[in-house]
Each structure stands twice: as C-alpha cells, then as structure tokens.
Amino acid sequence: MTVRDITHLTAIHLFLNMIFHKGSMSNYLRPHSPGATVFFTVGLRAQDSDTLLREIHLLRSAVARTLRERPVTVNAWVVLPDHMHCIWTLPADDHDYSTRWRIIKSRFSRNLAKGPLRASDIKRQERGIWNRRFWEHHIRSKTDFNAHMEHCWMDPVRHGYVQRPEHWEFTSFAKLRKVSA
C-alpha cells in the first residue's frame, strides 16, 4: 500500500465518520500559524446582556494582565454590550491565541456572579458567562485586513449604538482619535 493509498483511505474514513456521527461533538481544528494576524469575535452567552460594558474595568484588567504575560500586537478592538471583535497579530514564534482567550475569559468571569449553569458548565468549572467558543478568521491579505478593520470600526453603528463610529468610546480607535486631536 502506498502513502497515497493510505492518505486516500484516511480521507474516506474521516468523511464516513463525519456522516455517521452527526450527533457527536464538533472537532474544531484551528490553524497553527506562528505570527498570524487573526480577527476574533468573542461573545457572552446571554446575547441581550450589557455585562461587557457594565464591567468594562474588569475586562480591561483581564486583557491588560493577560497581554502583558502573553503579548500580541492589537491592531483593533471594539467592545459592545454582549460581544467584542478584535484583530491581533501574534509574535513570530507563537500561535497560541486560544490560551490567551481562555485566560482573559476566566479572569473576567472570576469577579462576576455565575450565570445560569448547564451540566457541562459545572463539569468544566465554568461560570456560565461566556459562549464556550469564539470565532476566529486568519487574515489572508491586505484587503482582508482592511475589511476586518472596517468591521471593527463600524460595528457600533451597525448595532445602532451610535450614529458615527468615532462616537463609540469602547474601542481601540478611541486612542487614535485622542492622539490625532
């Protein structure tokens, strides 16, 4: 049997496994690209919550402490009441953004009352505040980067929180306004 045959059989096995185990847990495979630039959406479980803004001091503290310990370049960040978007560029020798998010979410949640807990939350010692997963997209080009920067910039307007994006204070763009003023 050749390497090509084994590769083909492995692909068939994975496909059949996917078809016949629809009810099983998803297997998320994240790229491991050191130095990648990545867009994230991270949300609270309660989509109508204002916790991120109400407790912005806890979020800022959790982020600052974590990124001091595990630095990244923050290209953009916007915080809305129940979710946030950001673009990070990881260090050239590092691909581990999942650990950073786990630590940020944990540090933020520690100081809050627990949300409604499911059995899986109790098993994992979670507090029922965050969506378990986050969405990430590896930036592929300058055009892609610009589109995601625009998404961060315009999201408060899209959600109806402000008429103009420069009026939203919970964003990394606010620092740029102060510097240029």
N, C-alpha and C. Protein backbone atom coordinates (compact mmCIF):
# COMPACT_ATOMS: atom_id res chain seq x y z
N MET A 1 0.85 -1.17 0.00
CA MET A 1 0.00 0.00 0.00
C MET A 1 0.90 1.24 0.00
N THR A 2 0.60 2.18 -0.86
CA THR A 2 1.42 3.39 -0.97
C THR A 2 0.94 4.47 0.00
N VAL A 3 1.76 5.50 0.16
CA VAL A 3 1.39 6.64 1.00
C VAL A 3 0.12 7.29 0.46
N ARG A 4 0.01 7.37 -0.85
CA ARG A 4 -1.18 7.96 -1.47
C ARG A 4 -2.43 7.15 -1.12
N ASP A 5 -2.32 5.82 -1.15
CA ASP A 5 -3.46 4.97 -0.79
C ASP A 5 -3.87 5.19 0.66
N ILE A 6 -2.90 5.27 1.53
CA ILE A 6 -3.18 5.49 2.96
C ILE A 6 -3.85 6.85 3.15
N THR A 7 -3.34 7.88 2.47
CA THR A 7 -3.94 9.22 2.57
C THR A 7 -5.37 9.19 2.08
N HIS A 8 -5.61 8.50 0.96
CA HIS A 8 -6.96 8.41 0.41
C HIS A 8 -7.89 7.67 1.37
N LEU A 9 -7.44 6.58 1.94
CA LEU A 9 -8.25 5.82 2.89
C LEU A 9 -8.54 6.64 4.15
N THR A 10 -7.56 7.41 4.59
CA THR A 10 -7.77 8.27 5.76
C THR A 10 -8.84 9.30 5.47
N ALA A 11 -8.80 9.92 4.30
CA ALA A 11 -9.80 10.91 3.91
C ALA A 11 -11.19 10.28 3.86
N ILE A 12 -11.29 9.08 3.30
CA ILE A 12 -12.58 8.38 3.23
C ILE A 12 -13.07 8.08 4.65
N HIS A 13 -12.18 7.60 5.50
CA HIS A 13 -12.55 7.30 6.89
C HIS A 13 -13.08 8.55 7.59
N LEU A 14 -12.41 9.67 7.43
CA LEU A 14 -12.85 10.91 8.07
C LEU A 14 -14.22 11.34 7.55
N PHE A 15 -14.42 11.22 6.24
CA PHE A 15 -15.70 11.59 5.64
C PHE A 15 -16.82 10.71 6.19
N LEU A 16 -16.62 9.39 6.20
CA LEU A 16 -17.64 8.48 6.71
C LEU A 16 -17.90 8.71 8.19
N ASN A 17 -16.86 8.97 8.93
CA ASN A 17 -17.01 9.27 10.35
C ASN A 17 -17.88 10.51 10.54
N MET A 18 -17.67 11.52 9.71
CA MET A 18 -18.44 12.75 9.80
C MET A 18 -19.92 12.48 9.50
N ILE A 19 -20.20 11.67 8.49
CA ILE A 19 -21.57 11.37 8.10
C ILE A 19 -22.31 10.58 9.17
N PHE A 20 -21.67 9.54 9.71
CA PHE A 20 -22.36 8.63 10.62
C PHE A 20 -22.34 9.08 12.08
N HIS A 21 -21.61 10.12 12.41
CA HIS A 21 -21.57 10.60 13.79
C HIS A 21 -22.04 12.04 13.86
N LYS A 22 -23.16 12.33 13.20
CA LYS A 22 -23.68 13.70 13.16
C LYS A 22 -23.96 14.25 14.55
N GLY A 23 -24.42 13.43 15.45
CA GLY A 23 -24.79 13.91 16.78
C GLY A 23 -23.61 14.12 17.71
N SER A 24 -22.43 13.75 17.28
CA SER A 24 -21.29 13.86 18.18
C SER A 24 -20.75 15.29 18.20
N MET A 25 -19.88 15.55 19.12
CA MET A 25 -19.28 16.87 19.31
C MET A 25 -18.45 17.25 18.11
N SER A 26 -18.52 18.52 17.75
CA SER A 26 -17.70 19.01 16.64
C SER A 26 -16.24 18.95 17.01
N ASN A 27 -15.43 18.71 16.01
CA ASN A 27 -13.98 18.69 16.22
C ASN A 27 -13.40 19.90 15.51
N TYR A 28 -13.15 20.97 16.27
CA TYR A 28 -12.64 22.19 15.71
C TYR A 28 -11.13 22.08 15.53
N LEU A 29 -10.68 22.28 14.31
CA LEU A 29 -9.26 22.28 14.02
C LEU A 29 -8.85 23.71 13.73
N ARG A 30 -8.02 24.26 14.58
CA ARG A 30 -7.56 25.63 14.40
C ARG A 30 -6.19 25.60 13.73
N PRO A 31 -5.97 26.52 12.80
CA PRO A 31 -4.64 26.58 12.18
C PRO A 31 -3.58 26.94 13.22
N HIS A 32 -2.41 26.46 13.04
CA HIS A 32 -1.29 26.77 13.94
C HIS A 32 -0.26 27.54 13.14
N SER A 33 -0.49 28.84 12.99
CA SER A 33 0.39 29.69 12.18
C SER A 33 1.06 30.72 13.08
N PRO A 34 2.29 30.48 13.46
CA PRO A 34 3.00 31.47 14.27
C PRO A 34 3.05 32.82 13.56
N GLY A 35 2.85 33.89 14.32
CA GLY A 35 2.92 35.24 13.77
C GLY A 35 1.70 35.65 12.96
N ALA A 36 0.64 34.85 12.99
CA ALA A 36 -0.55 35.14 12.20
C ALA A 36 -1.26 36.39 12.69
N THR A 37 -1.97 37.03 11.78
CA THR A 37 -2.90 38.11 12.13
C THR A 37 -4.28 37.50 12.06
N VAL A 38 -5.03 37.64 13.17
CA VAL A 38 -6.30 36.92 13.31
C VAL A 38 -7.39 37.86 13.80
N PHE A 39 -8.57 37.78 13.18
CA PHE A 39 -9.77 38.50 13.59
C PHE A 39 -10.58 37.58 14.49
N PHE A 40 -11.08 38.12 15.62
CA PHE A 40 -11.86 37.33 16.57
C PHE A 40 -13.20 37.98 16.85
N THR A 41 -14.19 37.15 17.09
CA THR A 41 -15.45 37.56 17.69
C THR A 41 -15.63 36.69 18.92
N VAL A 42 -15.80 37.33 20.06
CA VAL A 42 -15.94 36.62 21.33
C VAL A 42 -17.20 37.16 21.99
N GLY A 43 -18.12 36.27 22.37
CA GLY A 43 -19.40 36.74 22.88
C GLY A 43 -19.81 36.13 24.20
N LEU A 44 -20.69 36.86 24.87
CA LEU A 44 -21.31 36.37 26.09
C LEU A 44 -22.42 35.39 25.72
N ARG A 45 -22.72 34.48 26.62
CA ARG A 45 -23.80 33.53 26.38
C ARG A 45 -25.14 34.26 26.30
N ALA A 46 -25.38 35.21 27.20
CA ALA A 46 -26.62 35.99 27.20
C ALA A 46 -26.48 37.12 26.18
N GLN A 47 -27.09 36.94 25.03
CA GLN A 47 -26.90 37.88 23.94
C GLN A 47 -27.54 39.24 24.16
N ASP A 48 -28.41 39.36 25.14
CA ASP A 48 -29.03 40.65 25.44
C ASP A 48 -28.39 41.32 26.66
N SER A 49 -27.27 40.81 27.09
CA SER A 49 -26.58 41.32 28.27
C SER A 49 -25.80 42.59 27.96
N ASP A 50 -25.58 43.41 28.99
CA ASP A 50 -24.70 44.58 28.84
C ASP A 50 -23.46 44.43 29.72
N THR A 51 -23.17 43.21 30.10
CA THR A 51 -22.10 42.92 31.08
C THR A 51 -20.74 43.44 30.65
N LEU A 52 -20.40 43.32 29.37
CA LEU A 52 -19.07 43.75 28.95
C LEU A 52 -18.87 45.25 29.15
N LEU A 53 -19.90 46.04 28.93
CA LEU A 53 -19.77 47.49 29.14
C LEU A 53 -19.92 47.85 30.62
N ARG A 54 -20.87 47.20 31.28
CA ARG A 54 -21.09 47.48 32.70
C ARG A 54 -19.86 47.13 33.54
N GLU A 55 -19.14 46.10 33.11
CA GLU A 55 -17.95 45.64 33.84
C GLU A 55 -16.69 45.86 33.01
N ILE A 56 -16.64 46.95 32.27
CA ILE A 56 -15.52 47.22 31.36
C ILE A 56 -14.19 47.27 32.12
N HIS A 57 -14.22 47.74 33.37
CA HIS A 57 -12.98 47.79 34.16
C HIS A 57 -12.42 46.38 34.39
N LEU A 58 -13.29 45.39 34.61
CA LEU A 58 -12.83 44.01 34.78
C LEU A 58 -12.27 43.45 33.47
N LEU A 59 -12.94 43.78 32.38
CA LEU A 59 -12.45 43.31 31.08
C LEU A 59 -11.10 43.93 30.76
N ARG A 60 -10.98 45.23 30.95
CA ARG A 60 -9.70 45.90 30.66
C ARG A 60 -8.58 45.32 31.52
N SER A 61 -8.87 45.06 32.77
CA SER A 61 -7.87 44.49 33.67
C SER A 61 -7.46 43.08 33.22
N ALA A 62 -8.43 42.26 32.88
CA ALA A 62 -8.15 40.89 32.43
C ALA A 62 -7.33 40.89 31.15
N VAL A 63 -7.68 41.75 30.22
CA VAL A 63 -6.96 41.83 28.95
C VAL A 63 -5.54 42.34 29.18
N ALA A 64 -5.41 43.44 29.93
CA ALA A 64 -4.09 44.04 30.15
C ALA A 64 -3.14 43.06 30.82
N ARG A 65 -3.61 42.39 31.85
CA ARG A 65 -2.75 41.44 32.57
C ARG A 65 -2.34 40.27 31.67
N THR A 66 -3.30 39.75 30.92
CA THR A 66 -3.02 38.61 30.06
C THR A 66 -2.05 38.97 28.94
N LEU A 67 -2.27 40.13 28.31
CA LEU A 67 -1.41 40.50 27.20
C LEU A 67 -0.04 41.00 27.66
N ARG A 68 0.08 41.37 28.92
CA ARG A 68 1.43 41.63 29.47
C ARG A 68 2.20 40.32 29.58
N GLU A 69 1.50 39.28 30.00
CA GLU A 69 2.14 37.96 30.17
C GLU A 69 2.36 37.25 28.84
N ARG A 70 1.46 37.46 27.90
CA ARG A 70 1.49 36.79 26.59
C ARG A 70 1.21 37.84 25.52
N PRO A 71 2.21 38.63 25.17
CA PRO A 71 1.98 39.78 24.29
C PRO A 71 1.48 39.40 22.89
N VAL A 72 0.71 40.32 22.34
CA VAL A 72 0.30 40.32 20.93
C VAL A 72 0.28 41.77 20.50
N THR A 73 0.26 42.01 19.21
CA THR A 73 0.00 43.35 18.70
C THR A 73 -1.50 43.46 18.49
N VAL A 74 -2.11 44.43 19.16
CA VAL A 74 -3.54 44.66 18.99
C VAL A 74 -3.71 45.66 17.85
N ASN A 75 -4.24 45.19 16.74
CA ASN A 75 -4.48 46.05 15.58
C ASN A 75 -5.79 46.82 15.71
N ALA A 76 -6.79 46.18 16.32
CA ALA A 76 -8.10 46.80 16.52
C ALA A 76 -8.83 46.04 17.62
N TRP A 77 -9.71 46.76 18.33
CA TRP A 77 -10.54 46.12 19.34
C TRP A 77 -11.78 46.97 19.54
N VAL A 78 -12.92 46.35 19.52
CA VAL A 78 -14.17 47.05 19.82
C VAL A 78 -14.98 46.17 20.76
N VAL A 79 -15.50 46.79 21.82
CA VAL A 79 -16.31 46.08 22.80
C VAL A 79 -17.72 46.61 22.72
N LEU A 80 -18.68 45.72 22.55
CA LEU A 80 -20.09 46.04 22.56
C LEU A 80 -20.69 45.41 23.82
N PRO A 81 -21.96 45.65 24.12
CA PRO A 81 -22.50 45.15 25.39
C PRO A 81 -22.36 43.65 25.60
N ASP A 82 -22.55 42.85 24.55
CA ASP A 82 -22.56 41.40 24.73
C ASP A 82 -21.54 40.64 23.88
N HIS A 83 -20.72 41.36 23.11
CA HIS A 83 -19.67 40.69 22.34
C HIS A 83 -18.58 41.70 22.00
N MET A 84 -17.48 41.17 21.50
CA MET A 84 -16.38 42.04 21.08
C MET A 84 -15.70 41.44 19.87
N HIS A 85 -15.06 42.33 19.12
CA HIS A 85 -14.26 41.93 17.96
C HIS A 85 -12.87 42.50 18.16
N CYS A 86 -11.88 41.79 17.69
CA CYS A 86 -10.54 42.34 17.72
C CYS A 86 -9.69 41.67 16.64
N ILE A 87 -8.60 42.34 16.33
CA ILE A 87 -7.61 41.80 15.41
C ILE A 87 -6.28 41.82 16.13
N TRP A 88 -5.68 40.64 16.24
CA TRP A 88 -4.37 40.51 16.89
C TRP A 88 -3.37 40.01 15.87
N THR A 89 -2.13 40.46 16.03
CA THR A 89 -1.01 39.84 15.34
C THR A 89 -0.15 39.17 16.40
N LEU A 90 0.01 37.87 16.26
CA LEU A 90 0.77 37.09 17.24
C LEU A 90 2.26 37.27 17.02
N PRO A 91 3.06 37.04 18.07
CA PRO A 91 4.51 37.06 17.88
C PRO A 91 4.95 36.02 16.85
N ALA A 92 6.09 36.28 16.24
CA ALA A 92 6.59 35.43 15.14
C ALA A 92 6.76 33.97 15.54
N ASP A 93 6.98 33.69 16.81
CA ASP A 93 7.21 32.32 17.25
C ASP A 93 6.03 31.73 18.03
N ASP A 94 4.86 32.32 17.90
CA ASP A 94 3.72 31.96 18.75
C ASP A 94 2.45 31.82 17.91
N HIS A 95 1.67 30.76 18.18
CA HIS A 95 0.40 30.56 17.51
C HIS A 95 -0.75 30.37 18.49
N ASP A 96 -0.48 30.49 19.79
CA ASP A 96 -1.44 30.09 20.81
C ASP A 96 -2.35 31.23 21.27
N TYR A 97 -3.34 31.55 20.46
CA TYR A 97 -4.31 32.56 20.88
C TYR A 97 -5.41 31.96 21.75
N SER A 98 -5.65 30.65 21.64
CA SER A 98 -6.70 30.02 22.44
C SER A 98 -6.42 30.13 23.93
N THR A 99 -5.18 29.96 24.33
CA THR A 99 -4.84 30.09 25.75
C THR A 99 -5.07 31.51 26.23
N ARG A 100 -4.70 32.48 25.41
CA ARG A 100 -4.93 33.88 25.78
C ARG A 100 -6.42 34.13 26.04
N TRP A 101 -7.27 33.64 25.12
CA TRP A 101 -8.71 33.85 25.30
C TRP A 101 -9.23 33.12 26.55
N ARG A 102 -8.74 31.92 26.78
CA ARG A 102 -9.18 31.18 27.98
C ARG A 102 -8.84 31.97 29.23
N ILE A 103 -7.64 32.53 29.29
CA ILE A 103 -7.21 33.29 30.48
C ILE A 103 -8.01 34.58 30.61
N ILE A 104 -8.19 35.31 29.52
CA ILE A 104 -8.96 36.56 29.58
C ILE A 104 -10.38 36.29 30.08
N LYS A 105 -11.03 35.29 29.50
CA LYS A 105 -12.40 34.98 29.88
C LYS A 105 -12.49 34.54 31.34
N SER A 106 -11.53 33.75 31.76
CA SER A 106 -11.51 33.27 33.14
C SER A 106 -11.30 34.43 34.13
N ARG A 107 -10.34 35.28 33.85
CA ARG A 107 -10.05 36.41 34.75
C ARG A 107 -11.24 37.36 34.84
N PHE A 108 -11.88 37.61 33.72
CA PHE A 108 -13.05 38.48 33.71
C PHE A 108 -14.18 37.86 34.53
N SER A 109 -14.43 36.59 34.34
CA SER A 109 -15.58 35.92 34.95
C SER A 109 -15.45 35.71 36.45
N ARG A 110 -14.23 35.57 36.92
CA ARG A 110 -13.98 35.28 38.33
C ARG A 110 -14.69 36.24 39.28
N ASN A 111 -14.81 37.49 38.88
CA ASN A 111 -15.36 38.52 39.76
C ASN A 111 -16.84 38.78 39.55
N LEU A 112 -17.50 37.94 38.77
CA LEU A 112 -18.91 38.11 38.48
C LEU A 112 -19.72 36.97 39.07
N ALA A 113 -20.99 37.25 39.32
CA ALA A 113 -21.90 36.19 39.76
C ALA A 113 -22.05 35.19 38.62
N LYS A 114 -22.24 33.93 38.98
CA LYS A 114 -22.41 32.90 37.96
C LYS A 114 -23.70 33.14 37.19
N GLY A 115 -23.66 32.79 35.90
CA GLY A 115 -24.86 32.82 35.08
C GLY A 115 -25.59 31.50 35.24
N PRO A 116 -26.67 31.31 34.49
CA PRO A 116 -27.35 30.01 34.53
C PRO A 116 -26.38 28.91 34.08
N LEU A 117 -26.27 27.86 34.87
CA LEU A 117 -25.29 26.82 34.60
C LEU A 117 -25.94 25.57 34.01
N ARG A 118 -25.26 25.01 33.03
CA ARG A 118 -25.64 23.72 32.46
C ARG A 118 -24.74 22.67 33.09
N ALA A 119 -25.09 21.42 32.91
CA ALA A 119 -24.28 20.34 33.46
C ALA A 119 -22.84 20.42 32.94
N SER A 120 -22.70 20.77 31.66
CA SER A 120 -21.35 20.86 31.08
C SER A 120 -20.55 22.02 31.69
N ASP A 121 -21.23 23.09 32.10
CA ASP A 121 -20.54 24.20 32.77
C ASP A 121 -19.99 23.74 34.12
N ILE A 122 -20.80 23.02 34.85
CA ILE A 122 -20.38 22.53 36.16
C ILE A 122 -19.21 21.56 36.01
N LYS A 123 -19.32 20.66 35.05
CA LYS A 123 -18.25 19.69 34.81
C LYS A 123 -16.93 20.38 34.48
N ARG A 124 -16.99 21.46 33.70
CA ARG A 124 -15.77 22.17 33.29
C ARG A 124 -15.41 23.31 34.23
N GLN A 125 -16.15 23.46 35.31
CA GLN A 125 -15.92 24.53 36.30
C GLN A 125 -16.01 25.91 35.65
N GLU A 126 -16.99 26.07 34.76
CA GLU A 126 -17.23 27.34 34.11
C GLU A 126 -18.33 28.08 34.85
N ARG A 127 -18.46 29.37 34.58
CA ARG A 127 -19.38 30.22 35.31
C ARG A 127 -20.64 30.58 34.52
N GLY A 128 -20.76 30.08 33.30
CA GLY A 128 -21.97 30.32 32.52
C GLY A 128 -22.09 31.73 31.97
N ILE A 129 -20.97 32.41 31.80
CA ILE A 129 -20.99 33.80 31.35
C ILE A 129 -20.69 33.91 29.86
N TRP A 130 -19.66 33.22 29.40
CA TRP A 130 -19.20 33.32 28.01
C TRP A 130 -19.76 32.21 27.15
N ASN A 131 -19.90 32.47 25.86
CA ASN A 131 -20.03 31.37 24.91
C ASN A 131 -18.75 30.57 25.01
N ARG A 132 -18.85 29.29 24.96
CA ARG A 132 -17.68 28.45 25.16
C ARG A 132 -16.62 28.69 24.09
N ARG A 133 -17.05 28.82 22.88
CA ARG A 133 -16.09 29.00 21.78
C ARG A 133 -16.05 30.45 21.35
N PHE A 134 -15.09 30.76 20.52
CA PHE A 134 -15.02 32.07 19.88
C PHE A 134 -14.84 31.81 18.39
N TRP A 135 -15.08 32.84 17.60
CA TRP A 135 -14.91 32.70 16.17
C TRP A 135 -13.63 33.40 15.79
N GLU A 136 -12.83 32.75 14.98
CA GLU A 136 -11.59 33.38 14.51
C GLU A 136 -11.47 33.22 13.01
N HIS A 137 -10.80 34.19 12.41
CA HIS A 137 -10.56 34.18 10.98
C HIS A 137 -9.13 34.66 10.76
N HIS A 138 -8.32 33.82 10.13
CA HIS A 138 -6.95 34.22 9.83
C HIS A 138 -6.95 35.17 8.63
N ILE A 139 -6.35 36.31 8.83
CA ILE A 139 -6.30 37.33 7.79
C ILE A 139 -5.37 36.86 6.68
N ARG A 140 -5.84 36.99 5.44
CA ARG A 140 -5.12 36.43 4.29
C ARG A 140 -4.46 37.45 3.39
N SER A 141 -4.88 38.72 3.48
CA SER A 141 -4.34 39.73 2.58
C SER A 141 -4.57 41.12 3.17
N LYS A 142 -4.00 42.10 2.55
CA LYS A 142 -4.21 43.50 2.97
C LYS A 142 -5.68 43.87 2.81
N THR A 143 -6.31 43.42 1.75
CA THR A 143 -7.74 43.69 1.52
C THR A 143 -8.58 43.06 2.63
N ASP A 144 -8.26 41.82 2.98
CA ASP A 144 -8.94 41.11 4.07
C ASP A 144 -8.75 41.85 5.39
N PHE A 145 -7.52 42.27 5.65
CA PHE A 145 -7.21 43.02 6.87
C PHE A 145 -8.06 44.30 6.92
N ASN A 146 -8.07 45.05 5.83
CA ASN A 146 -8.83 46.30 5.79
C ASN A 146 -10.33 46.08 6.00
N ALA A 147 -10.86 45.01 5.42
CA ALA A 147 -12.28 44.70 5.59
C ALA A 147 -12.61 44.40 7.06
N HIS A 148 -11.74 43.69 7.74
CA HIS A 148 -11.99 43.36 9.15
C HIS A 148 -11.74 44.57 10.06
N MET A 149 -10.81 45.42 9.70
CA MET A 149 -10.64 46.69 10.44
C MET A 149 -11.92 47.52 10.32
N GLU A 150 -12.46 47.57 9.12
CA GLU A 150 -13.71 48.30 8.88
C GLU A 150 -14.85 47.70 9.70
N HIS A 151 -14.87 46.38 9.79
CA HIS A 151 -15.91 45.72 10.59
C HIS A 151 -15.81 46.17 12.05
N CYS A 152 -14.61 46.19 12.60
CA CYS A 152 -14.43 46.64 13.99
C CYS A 152 -14.86 48.10 14.14
N TRP A 153 -14.47 48.93 13.21
CA TRP A 153 -14.76 50.37 13.26
C TRP A 153 -16.27 50.64 13.19
N MET A 154 -16.97 49.93 12.31
CA MET A 154 -18.38 50.22 12.04
C MET A 154 -19.37 49.43 12.89
N ASP A 155 -18.95 48.44 13.63
CA ASP A 155 -19.89 47.57 14.34
C ASP A 155 -20.81 48.32 15.31
N PRO A 156 -20.33 49.30 16.07
CA PRO A 156 -21.26 50.03 16.95
C PRO A 156 -22.36 50.76 16.16
N VAL A 157 -22.06 51.21 14.97
CA VAL A 157 -23.06 51.85 14.12
C VAL A 157 -24.05 50.81 13.61
N ARG A 158 -23.54 49.67 13.15
CA ARG A 158 -24.40 48.59 12.64
C ARG A 158 -25.41 48.14 13.69
N HIS A 159 -24.97 48.11 14.95
CA HIS A 159 -25.85 47.66 16.03
C HIS A 159 -26.73 48.79 16.56
N GLY A 160 -26.57 50.00 16.06
CA GLY A 160 -27.43 51.11 16.45
C GLY A 160 -27.05 51.80 17.75
N TYR A 161 -25.83 51.61 18.23
CA TYR A 161 -25.41 52.25 19.49
C TYR A 161 -25.01 53.70 19.29
N VAL A 162 -24.49 54.04 18.12
CA VAL A 162 -24.08 55.40 17.80
C VAL A 162 -24.39 55.67 16.33
N GLN A 163 -24.45 56.96 15.98
CA GLN A 163 -24.67 57.35 14.59
C GLN A 163 -23.37 57.31 13.79
N ARG A 164 -22.28 57.64 14.49
CA ARG A 164 -20.97 57.70 13.83
C ARG A 164 -19.98 56.88 14.65
N PRO A 165 -19.13 56.11 14.00
CA PRO A 165 -18.24 55.21 14.74
C PRO A 165 -17.28 55.94 15.69
N GLU A 166 -16.91 57.15 15.36
CA GLU A 166 -15.98 57.88 16.24
C GLU A 166 -16.63 58.29 17.57
N HIS A 167 -17.95 58.13 17.69
CA HIS A 167 -18.62 58.44 18.95
C HIS A 167 -18.63 57.28 19.94
N TRP A 168 -18.18 56.13 19.51
CA TRP A 168 -18.16 54.94 20.39
C TRP A 168 -16.86 54.93 21.17
N GLU A 169 -16.95 54.92 22.49
CA GLU A 169 -15.73 55.04 23.31
C GLU A 169 -15.06 53.70 23.63
N PHE A 170 -15.76 52.60 23.45
CA PHE A 170 -15.23 51.29 23.86
C PHE A 170 -14.51 50.62 22.68
N THR A 171 -13.48 51.26 22.21
CA THR A 171 -12.77 50.79 21.03
C THR A 171 -11.32 51.26 21.07
N SER A 172 -10.46 50.50 20.43
CA SER A 172 -9.07 50.93 20.33
C SER A 172 -8.94 52.15 19.44
N PHE A 173 -9.92 52.41 18.59
CA PHE A 173 -9.89 53.58 17.71
C PHE A 173 -10.01 54.87 18.52
N ALA A 174 -10.59 54.80 19.71
CA ALA A 174 -10.71 55.99 20.56
C ALA A 174 -9.34 56.56 20.89
N LYS A 175 -8.36 55.70 21.11
CA LYS A 175 -6.99 56.15 21.40
C LYS A 175 -6.43 56.91 20.21
N LEU A 176 -6.72 56.44 19.00
CA LEU A 176 -6.22 57.12 17.80
C LEU A 176 -6.82 58.52 17.67
N ARG A 177 -8.10 58.66 18.02
CA ARG A 177 -8.75 59.98 17.97
C ARG A 177 -8.06 60.95 18.92
N LYS A 178 -7.72 60.47 20.13
CA LYS A 178 -7.08 61.33 21.11
C LYS A 178 -5.69 61.76 20.66
N VAL A 179 -4.95 60.85 20.02
CA VAL A 179 -3.61 61.16 19.54
C VAL A 179 -3.66 62.19 18.42
N SER A 180 -4.64 62.05 17.52
CA SER A 180 -4.71 62.94 16.37
C SER A 180 -5.37 64.27 16.70
N ALA A 181 -6.05 64.37 17.83
CA ALA A 181 -6.74 65.62 18.19
C ALA A 181 -5.79 66.68 18.69
